[in-house]
Amino acid sequence: MFIQLNDQWALSADEHCWIIKKYQESNEAYPDGRWISKYFCTEFKNVVKRLAKVNIRLNNATTMDELVKHAESVHSDLSLLLDYEVADA
């Protein structure tokens, strides 16, 4: 499985865990760019939480108000996934 979430993040899995991948821009070694495994989670709910935390931390907010609004937006978007959580997916 490989699900590209946006231009920076993707989700894959193996028989042991979920894998959150981040896209690395092209360079001499990888002229077409590549997906690098960044985080490993055994439960789907932890994948959603990790994606939310990373998304909030990497935001370019310059005020607390901007950060809070962004965090609320992320929470709203990803809470749908938590509500849908499959038993021990």
PDB file of N, CA and C in Angstrom:
ATOM      1  N   MET A   1       0.846  -1.171   0.000  1.00  0.00           N
ATOM      2  CA  MET A   1       0.000   0.000   0.000  1.00  0.00           C
ATOM      3  C   MET A   1       0.894   1.238   0.000  1.00  0.00           C
ATOM      4  N   PHE A   2       0.485   2.214  -0.770  1.00  0.00           N
ATOM      5  CA  PHE A   2       1.146   3.517  -0.778  1.00  0.00           C
ATOM      6  C   PHE A   2       0.076   4.553  -1.065  1.00  0.00           C
ATOM      7  N   ILE A   3      -0.175   5.435  -0.107  1.00  0.00           N
ATOM      8  CA  ILE A   3      -1.175   6.484  -0.276  1.00  0.00           C
ATOM      9  C   ILE A   3      -0.476   7.823  -0.113  1.00  0.00           C
ATOM     10  N   GLN A   4      -0.440   8.593  -1.186  1.00  0.00           N
ATOM     11  CA  GLN A   4       0.166   9.917  -1.114  1.00  0.00           C
ATOM     12  C   GLN A   4      -0.866  10.876  -0.545  1.00  0.00           C
ATOM     13  N   LEU A   5      -0.548  11.494   0.581  1.00  0.00           N
ATOM     14  CA  LEU A   5      -1.472  12.399   1.264  1.00  0.00           C
ATOM     15  C   LEU A   5      -1.413  13.806   0.700  1.00  0.00           C
ATOM     16  N   ASN A   6      -0.229  14.245   0.343  1.00  0.00           N
ATOM     17  CA  ASN A   6      -0.022  15.538  -0.312  1.00  0.00           C
ATOM     18  C   ASN A   6       1.359  15.495  -0.952  1.00  0.00           C
ATOM     19  N   ASP A   7       1.910  16.642  -1.328  1.00  0.00           N
ATOM     20  CA  ASP A   7       3.205  16.626  -2.020  1.00  0.00           C
ATOM     21  C   ASP A   7       4.385  16.332  -1.088  1.00  0.00           C
ATOM     22  N   GLN A   8       4.158  16.327   0.234  1.00  0.00           N
ATOM     23  CA  GLN A   8       5.235  16.078   1.189  1.00  0.00           C
ATOM     24  C   GLN A   8       5.105  14.758   1.934  1.00  0.00           C
ATOM     25  N   TRP A   9       3.896  14.268   2.135  1.00  0.00           N
ATOM     26  CA  TRP A   9       3.672  13.129   3.018  1.00  0.00           C
ATOM     27  C   TRP A   9       2.914  12.011   2.319  1.00  0.00           C
ATOM     28  N   ALA A  10       3.251  10.777   2.709  1.00  0.00           N
ATOM     29  CA  ALA A  10       2.577   9.592   2.196  1.00  0.00           C
ATOM     30  C   ALA A  10       2.486   8.557   3.316  1.00  0.00           C
ATOM     31  N   LEU A  11       1.611   7.592   3.123  1.00  0.00           N
ATOM     32  CA  LEU A  11       1.409   6.541   4.101  1.00  0.00           C
ATOM     33  C   LEU A  11       1.565   5.195   3.414  1.00  0.00           C
ATOM     34  N   SER A  12       2.317   4.313   4.039  1.00  0.00           N
ATOM     35  CA  SER A  12       2.432   2.950   3.546  1.00  0.00           C
ATOM     36  C   SER A  12       2.359   2.025   4.755  1.00  0.00           C
ATOM     37  N   ALA A  13       2.406   0.734   4.512  1.00  0.00           N
ATOM     38  CA  ALA A  13       2.324  -0.231   5.611  1.00  0.00           C
ATOM     39  C   ALA A  13       2.982  -1.529   5.192  1.00  0.00           C
ATOM     40  N   ASP A  14       3.396  -2.273   6.193  1.00  0.00           N
ATOM     41  CA  ASP A  14       3.834  -3.645   5.975  1.00  0.00           C
ATOM     42  C   ASP A  14       3.078  -4.501   6.990  1.00  0.00           C
ATOM     43  N   GLU A  15       3.455  -5.742   7.139  1.00  0.00           N
ATOM     44  CA  GLU A  15       2.701  -6.614   8.045  1.00  0.00           C
ATOM     45  C   GLU A  15       2.890  -6.255   9.514  1.00  0.00           C
ATOM     46  N   HIS A  16       3.837  -5.395   9.839  1.00  0.00           N
ATOM     47  CA  HIS A  16       4.125  -5.052  11.228  1.00  0.00           C
ATOM     48  C   HIS A  16       3.653  -3.664  11.647  1.00  0.00           C
ATOM     49  N   CYS A  17       3.673  -2.705  10.724  1.00  0.00           N
ATOM     50  CA  CYS A  17       3.356  -1.342  11.149  1.00  0.00           C
ATOM     51  C   CYS A  17       2.958  -0.446   9.976  1.00  0.00           C
ATOM     52  N   TRP A  18       2.441   0.712  10.354  1.00  0.00           N
ATOM     53  CA  TRP A  18       2.171   1.790   9.407  1.00  0.00           C
ATOM     54  C   TRP A  18       3.453   2.603   9.279  1.00  0.00           C
ATOM     55  N   ILE A  19       3.714   3.129   8.086  1.00  0.00           N
ATOM     56  CA  ILE A  19       4.931   3.897   7.844  1.00  0.00           C
ATOM     57  C   ILE A  19       4.540   5.247   7.252  1.00  0.00           C
ATOM     58  N   ILE A  20       4.957   6.321   7.916  1.00  0.00           N
ATOM     59  CA  ILE A  20       4.732   7.673   7.393  1.00  0.00           C
ATOM     60  C   ILE A  20       5.997   8.065   6.646  1.00  0.00           C
ATOM     61  N   LYS A  21       5.826   8.440   5.384  1.00  0.00           N
ATOM     62  CA  LYS A  21       6.967   8.772   4.539  1.00  0.00           C
ATOM     63  C   LYS A  21       6.942  10.253   4.178  1.00  0.00           C
ATOM     64  N   LYS A  22       8.118  10.832   4.030  1.00  0.00           N
ATOM     65  CA  LYS A  22       8.262  12.228   3.620  1.00  0.00           C
ATOM     66  C   LYS A  22       9.034  12.269   2.309  1.00  0.00           C
ATOM     67  N   TYR A  23       8.584  13.149   1.409  1.00  0.00           N
ATOM     68  CA  TYR A  23       9.233  13.256   0.114  1.00  0.00           C
ATOM     69  C   TYR A  23      10.518  14.073   0.234  1.00  0.00           C
ATOM     70  N   GLN A  24      11.590  13.540  -0.328  1.00  0.00           N
ATOM     71  CA  GLN A  24      12.867  14.253  -0.374  1.00  0.00           C
ATOM     72  C   GLN A  24      13.060  14.765  -1.797  1.00  0.00           C
ATOM     73  N   GLU A  25      13.285  16.054  -1.918  1.00  0.00           N
ATOM     74  CA  GLU A  25      13.487  16.673  -3.231  1.00  0.00           C
ATOM     75  C   GLU A  25      14.644  16.025  -3.971  1.00  0.00           C
ATOM     76  N   SER A  26      14.674  16.221  -5.263  1.00  0.00           N
ATOM     77  CA  SER A  26      15.730  15.635  -6.092  1.00  0.00           C
ATOM     78  C   SER A  26      17.100  16.196  -5.707  1.00  0.00           C
ATOM     79  N   ASN A  27      18.100  15.352  -5.902  1.00  0.00           N
ATOM     80  CA  ASN A  27      19.487  15.743  -5.683  1.00  0.00           C
ATOM     81  C   ASN A  27      20.346  14.914  -6.639  1.00  0.00           C
ATOM     82  N   GLU A  28      21.637  14.997  -6.529  1.00  0.00           N
ATOM     83  CA  GLU A  28      22.510  14.263  -7.446  1.00  0.00           C
ATOM     84  C   GLU A  28      22.289  12.755  -7.358  1.00  0.00           C
ATOM     85  N   ALA A  29      22.122  12.248  -6.158  1.00  0.00           N
ATOM     86  CA  ALA A  29      21.955  10.806  -5.971  1.00  0.00           C
ATOM     87  C   ALA A  29      20.581  10.321  -6.416  1.00  0.00           C
ATOM     88  N   TYR A  30      19.548  11.149  -6.242  1.00  0.00           N
ATOM     89  CA  TYR A  30      18.170  10.797  -6.600  1.00  0.00           C
ATOM     90  C   TYR A  30      17.572  11.915  -7.438  1.00  0.00           C
ATOM     91  N   PRO A  31      17.847  11.933  -8.743  1.00  0.00           N
ATOM     92  CA  PRO A  31      17.404  13.037  -9.598  1.00  0.00           C
ATOM     93  C   PRO A  31      15.876  13.197  -9.672  1.00  0.00           C
ATOM     94  N   ASP A  32      15.145  12.118  -9.398  1.00  0.00           N
ATOM     95  CA  ASP A  32      13.676  12.205  -9.435  1.00  0.00           C
ATOM     96  C   ASP A  32      13.068  12.386  -8.049  1.00  0.00           C
ATOM     97  N   GLY A  33      13.897  12.542  -7.034  1.00  0.00           N
ATOM     98  CA  GLY A  33      13.402  12.621  -5.666  1.00  0.00           C
ATOM     99  C   GLY A  33      13.083  11.222  -5.166  1.00  0.00           C
ATOM    100  N   ARG A  34      12.704  11.139  -3.883  1.00  0.00           N
ATOM    101  CA  ARG A  34      12.345   9.835  -3.320  1.00  0.00           C
ATOM    102  C   ARG A  34      11.552  10.010  -2.033  1.00  0.00           C
ATOM    103  N   TRP A  35      10.860   8.950  -1.648  1.00  0.00           N
ATOM    104  CA  TRP A  35      10.101   8.926  -0.408  1.00  0.00           C
ATOM    105  C   TRP A  35      10.944   8.245   0.667  1.00  0.00           C
ATOM    106  N   ILE A  36      11.093   8.908   1.814  1.00  0.00           N
ATOM    107  CA  ILE A  36      11.909   8.385   2.910  1.00  0.00           C
ATOM    108  C   ILE A  36      10.993   8.034   4.084  1.00  0.00           C
ATOM    109  N   SER A  37      11.191   6.874   4.667  1.00  0.00           N
ATOM    110  CA  SER A  37      10.422   6.474   5.850  1.00  0.00           C
ATOM    111  C   SER A  37      10.864   7.329   7.032  1.00  0.00           C
ATOM    112  N   LYS A  38       9.907   8.003   7.668  1.00  0.00           N
ATOM    113  CA  LYS A  38      10.233   8.907   8.779  1.00  0.00           C
ATOM    114  C   LYS A  38       9.698   8.406  10.122  1.00  0.00           C
ATOM    115  N   TYR A  39       8.469   7.876  10.135  1.00  0.00           N
ATOM    116  CA  TYR A  39       7.845   7.472  11.389  1.00  0.00           C
ATOM    117  C   TYR A  39       7.196   6.107  11.210  1.00  0.00           C
ATOM    118  N   PHE A  40       7.236   5.311  12.279  1.00  0.00           N
ATOM    119  CA  PHE A  40       6.660   3.972  12.264  1.00  0.00           C
ATOM    120  C   PHE A  40       5.669   3.868  13.420  1.00  0.00           C
ATOM    121  N   CYS A  41       4.453   3.418  13.128  1.00  0.00           N
ATOM    122  CA  CYS A  41       3.406   3.322  14.150  1.00  0.00           C
ATOM    123  C   CYS A  41       2.714   1.968  14.038  1.00  0.00           C
ATOM    124  N   THR A  42       2.444   1.350  15.179  1.00  0.00           N
ATOM    125  CA  THR A  42       1.771   0.058  15.143  1.00  0.00           C
ATOM    126  C   THR A  42       0.253   0.188  15.116  1.00  0.00           C
ATOM    127  N   GLU A  43      -0.277   1.327  15.528  1.00  0.00           N
ATOM    128  CA  GLU A  43      -1.729   1.533  15.525  1.00  0.00           C
ATOM    129  C   GLU A  43      -2.089   2.718  14.638  1.00  0.00           C
ATOM    130  N   PHE A  44      -3.198   2.581  13.931  1.00  0.00           N
ATOM    131  CA  PHE A  44      -3.628   3.619  12.996  1.00  0.00           C
ATOM    132  C   PHE A  44      -3.884   4.946  13.703  1.00  0.00           C
ATOM    133  N   LYS A  45      -4.459   4.895  14.907  1.00  0.00           N
ATOM    134  CA  LYS A  45      -4.736   6.158  15.615  1.00  0.00           C
ATOM    135  C   LYS A  45      -3.451   6.924  15.893  1.00  0.00           C
ATOM    136  N   ASN A  46      -2.342   6.213  16.098  1.00  0.00           N
ATOM    137  CA  ASN A  46      -1.061   6.880  16.321  1.00  0.00           C
ATOM    138  C   ASN A  46      -0.527   7.514  15.040  1.00  0.00           C
ATOM    139  N   VAL A  47      -0.848   6.932  13.895  1.00  0.00           N
ATOM    140  CA  VAL A  47      -0.479   7.538  12.609  1.00  0.00           C
ATOM    141  C   VAL A  47      -1.146   8.898  12.481  1.00  0.00           C
ATOM    142  N   VAL A  48      -2.428   8.937  12.765  1.00  0.00           N
ATOM    143  CA  VAL A  48      -3.191  10.183  12.643  1.00  0.00           C
ATOM    144  C   VAL A  48      -2.656  11.229  13.613  1.00  0.00           C
ATOM    145  N   LYS A  49      -2.392  10.820  14.844  1.00  0.00           N
ATOM    146  CA  LYS A  49      -1.863  11.759  15.840  1.00  0.00           C
ATOM    147  C   LYS A  49      -0.487  12.278  15.435  1.00  0.00           C
ATOM    148  N   ARG A  50       0.379  11.389  14.939  1.00  0.00           N
ATOM    149  CA  ARG A  50       1.734  11.806  14.525  1.00  0.00           C
ATOM    150  C   ARG A  50       1.656  12.796  13.368  1.00  0.00           C
ATOM    151  N   LEU A  51       0.801  12.496  12.378  1.00  0.00           N
ATOM    152  CA  LEU A  51       0.652  13.415  11.239  1.00  0.00           C
ATOM    153  C   LEU A  51       0.173  14.782  11.709  1.00  0.00           C
ATOM    154  N   ALA A  52      -0.746  14.803  12.659  1.00  0.00           N
ATOM    155  CA  ALA A  52      -1.250  16.073  13.180  1.00  0.00           C
ATOM    156  C   ALA A  52      -0.138  16.852  13.879  1.00  0.00           C
ATOM    157  N   LYS A  53       0.606  16.176  14.737  1.00  0.00           N
ATOM    158  CA  LYS A  53       1.676  16.856  15.473  1.00  0.00           C
ATOM    159  C   LYS A  53       2.743  17.416  14.534  1.00  0.00           C
ATOM    160  N   VAL A  54       3.145  16.621  13.566  1.00  0.00           N
ATOM    161  CA  VAL A  54       4.174  17.075  12.620  1.00  0.00           C
ATOM    162  C   VAL A  54       3.659  18.251  11.804  1.00  0.00           C
ATOM    163  N   ASN A  55       2.421  18.142  11.343  1.00  0.00           N
ATOM    164  CA  ASN A  55       1.842  19.211  10.534  1.00  0.00           C
ATOM    165  C   ASN A  55       1.777  20.515  11.321  1.00  0.00           C
ATOM    166  N   ILE A  56       1.428  20.440  12.584  1.00  0.00           N
ATOM    167  CA  ILE A  56       1.343  21.649  13.410  1.00  0.00           C
ATOM    168  C   ILE A  56       2.745  22.211  13.683  1.00  0.00           C
ATOM    169  N   ARG A  57       3.693  21.342  13.997  1.00  0.00           N
ATOM    170  CA  ARG A  57       5.056  21.812  14.294  1.00  0.00           C
ATOM    171  C   ARG A  57       5.738  22.466  13.105  1.00  0.00           C
ATOM    172  N   LEU A  58       5.462  21.967  11.913  1.00  0.00           N
ATOM    173  CA  LEU A  58       6.138  22.481  10.722  1.00  0.00           C
ATOM    174  C   LEU A  58       5.403  23.651  10.075  1.00  0.00           C
ATOM    175  N   ASN A  59       4.367  24.133  10.708  1.00  0.00           N
ATOM    176  CA  ASN A  59       3.611  25.269  10.194  1.00  0.00           C
ATOM    177  C   ASN A  59       4.445  26.534  10.259  1.00  0.00           C
ATOM    178  N   ASN A  60       4.204  27.451   9.357  1.00  0.00           N
ATOM    179  CA  ASN A  60       4.954  28.712   9.293  1.00  0.00           C
ATOM    180  C   ASN A  60       4.267  29.852  10.040  1.00  0.00           C
ATOM    181  N   ALA A  61       3.509  29.537  11.054  1.00  0.00           N
ATOM    182  CA  ALA A  61       2.804  30.575  11.816  1.00  0.00           C
ATOM    183  C   ALA A  61       3.796  31.553  12.440  1.00  0.00           C
ATOM    184  N   THR A  62       3.382  32.805  12.502  1.00  0.00           N
ATOM    185  CA  THR A  62       4.224  33.832  13.121  1.00  0.00           C
ATOM    186  C   THR A  62       3.587  34.412  14.384  1.00  0.00           C
ATOM    187  N   THR A  63       2.338  34.010  14.674  1.00  0.00           N
ATOM    188  CA  THR A  63       1.671  34.437  15.899  1.00  0.00           C
ATOM    189  C   THR A  63       0.975  33.231  16.523  1.00  0.00           C
ATOM    190  N   MET A  64       0.673  33.352  17.813  1.00  0.00           N
ATOM    191  CA  MET A  64      -0.052  32.273  18.492  1.00  0.00           C
ATOM    192  C   MET A  64      -1.437  32.091  17.884  1.00  0.00           C
ATOM    193  N   ASP A  65      -2.063  33.192  17.487  1.00  0.00           N
ATOM    194  CA  ASP A  65      -3.393  33.110  16.885  1.00  0.00           C
ATOM    195  C   ASP A  65      -3.343  32.276  15.594  1.00  0.00           C
ATOM    196  N   GLU A  66      -2.350  32.503  14.750  1.00  0.00           N
ATOM    197  CA  GLU A  66      -2.205  31.723  13.523  1.00  0.00           C
ATOM    198  C   GLU A  66      -1.972  30.250  13.843  1.00  0.00           C
ATOM    199  N   LEU A  67      -1.146  29.986  14.852  1.00  0.00           N
ATOM    200  CA  LEU A  67      -0.847  28.612  15.226  1.00  0.00           C
ATOM    201  C   LEU A  67      -2.091  27.899  15.748  1.00  0.00           C
ATOM    202  N   VAL A  68      -2.865  28.571  16.581  1.00  0.00           N
ATOM    203  CA  VAL A  68      -4.087  27.975  17.118  1.00  0.00           C
ATOM    204  C   VAL A  68      -5.080  27.689  15.997  1.00  0.00           C
ATOM    205  N   LYS A  69      -5.248  28.620  15.079  1.00  0.00           N
ATOM    206  CA  LYS A  69      -6.168  28.405  13.952  1.00  0.00           C
ATOM    207  C   LYS A  69      -5.713  27.234  13.088  1.00  0.00           C
ATOM    208  N   HIS A  70      -4.406  27.135  12.858  1.00  0.00           N
ATOM    209  CA  HIS A  70      -3.890  26.028  12.071  1.00  0.00           C
ATOM    210  C   HIS A  70      -4.109  24.699  12.805  1.00  0.00           C
ATOM    211  N   ALA A  71      -3.834  24.685  14.100  1.00  0.00           N
ATOM    212  CA  ALA A  71      -4.020  23.468  14.896  1.00  0.00           C
ATOM    213  C   ALA A  71      -5.482  23.029  14.892  1.00  0.00           C
ATOM    214  N   GLU A  72      -6.397  23.980  14.989  1.00  0.00           N
ATOM    215  CA  GLU A  72      -7.822  23.653  14.939  1.00  0.00           C
ATOM    216  C   GLU A  72      -8.200  23.070  13.590  1.00  0.00           C
ATOM    217  N   SER A  73      -7.647  23.615  12.528  1.00  0.00           N
ATOM    218  CA  SER A  73      -7.914  23.109  11.183  1.00  0.00           C
ATOM    219  C   SER A  73      -7.390  21.684  11.015  1.00  0.00           C
ATOM    220  N   VAL A  74      -6.173  21.450  11.473  1.00  0.00           N
ATOM    221  CA  VAL A  74      -5.585  20.110  11.404  1.00  0.00           C
ATOM    222  C   VAL A  74      -6.425  19.129  12.211  1.00  0.00           C
ATOM    223  N   HIS A  75      -6.803  19.535  13.407  1.00  0.00           N
ATOM    224  CA  HIS A  75      -7.615  18.668  14.260  1.00  0.00           C
ATOM    225  C   HIS A  75      -8.939  18.317  13.581  1.00  0.00           C
ATOM    226  N   SER A  76      -9.562  19.301  12.983  1.00  0.00           N
ATOM    227  CA  SER A  76     -10.839  19.074  12.292  1.00  0.00           C
ATOM    228  C   SER A  76     -10.678  18.092  11.142  1.00  0.00           C
ATOM    229  N   ASP A  77      -9.634  18.286  10.339  1.00  0.00           N
ATOM    230  CA  ASP A  77      -9.404  17.409   9.182  1.00  0.00           C
ATOM    231  C   ASP A  77      -9.107  15.975   9.601  1.00  0.00           C
ATOM    232  N   LEU A  78      -8.252  15.801  10.590  1.00  0.00           N
ATOM    233  CA  LEU A  78      -7.804  14.463  10.968  1.00  0.00           C
ATOM    234  C   LEU A  78      -8.725  13.753  11.950  1.00  0.00           C
ATOM    235  N   SER A  79      -9.598  14.488  12.626  1.00  0.00           N
ATOM    236  CA  SER A  79     -10.508  13.835  13.568  1.00  0.00           C
ATOM    237  C   SER A  79     -11.458  12.883  12.854  1.00  0.00           C
ATOM    238  N   LEU A  80     -11.742  13.168  11.587  1.00  0.00           N
ATOM    239  CA  LEU A  80     -12.583  12.255  10.812  1.00  0.00           C
ATOM    240  C   LEU A  80     -11.923  10.888  10.700  1.00  0.00           C
ATOM    241  N   LEU A  81     -10.616  10.864  10.539  1.00  0.00           N
ATOM    242  CA  LEU A  81      -9.898   9.592  10.460  1.00  0.00           C
ATOM    243  C   LEU A  81      -9.932   8.851  11.793  1.00  0.00           C
ATOM    244  N   LEU A  82      -9.802   9.573  12.888  1.00  0.00           N
ATOM    245  CA  LEU A  82      -9.860   8.920  14.199  1.00  0.00           C
ATOM    246  C   LEU A  82     -11.236   8.351  14.462  1.00  0.00           C
ATOM    247  N   ASP A  83     -12.284   9.053  14.028  1.00  0.00           N
ATOM    248  CA  ASP A  83     -13.639   8.558  14.208  1.00  0.00           C
ATOM    249  C   ASP A  83     -13.882   7.294  13.401  1.00  0.00           C
ATOM    250  N   TYR A  84     -13.156   7.170  12.278  1.00  0.00           N
ATOM    251  CA  TYR A  84     -13.335   6.046  11.381  1.00  0.00           C
ATOM    252  C   TYR A  84     -12.446   4.856  11.746  1.00  0.00           C
ATOM    253  N   GLU A  85     -11.591   5.016  12.724  1.00  0.00           N
ATOM    254  CA  GLU A  85     -10.590   4.005  13.073  1.00  0.00           C
ATOM    255  C   GLU A  85     -11.175   2.602  13.066  1.00  0.00           C
ATOM    256  N   VAL A  86     -10.525   1.727  12.335  1.00  0.00           N
ATOM    257  CA  VAL A  86     -10.920   0.325  12.283  1.00  0.00           C
ATOM    258  C   VAL A  86     -10.272  -0.376  13.472  1.00  0.00           C
ATOM    259  N   ALA A  87     -10.971  -1.306  14.062  1.00  0.00           N
ATOM    260  CA  ALA A  87     -10.432  -2.008  15.225  1.00  0.00           C
ATOM    261  C   ALA A  87      -9.093  -2.629  14.920  1.00  0.00           C
ATOM    262  N   ASP A  88      -8.058  -2.131  15.607  1.00  0.00           N
ATOM    263  CA  ASP A  88      -6.678  -2.624  15.441  1.00  0.00           C
ATOM    264  C   ASP A  88      -6.235  -2.698  14.006  1.00  0.00           C
ATOM    265  N   ALA A  89      -6.536  -1.667  13.219  1.00  0.00           N
ATOM    266  CA  ALA A  89      -6.123  -1.642  11.812  1.00  0.00           C
ATOM    267  C   ALA A  89      -4.633  -1.621  11.690  1.00  0.00           C
TER     268      ALA A  89
END
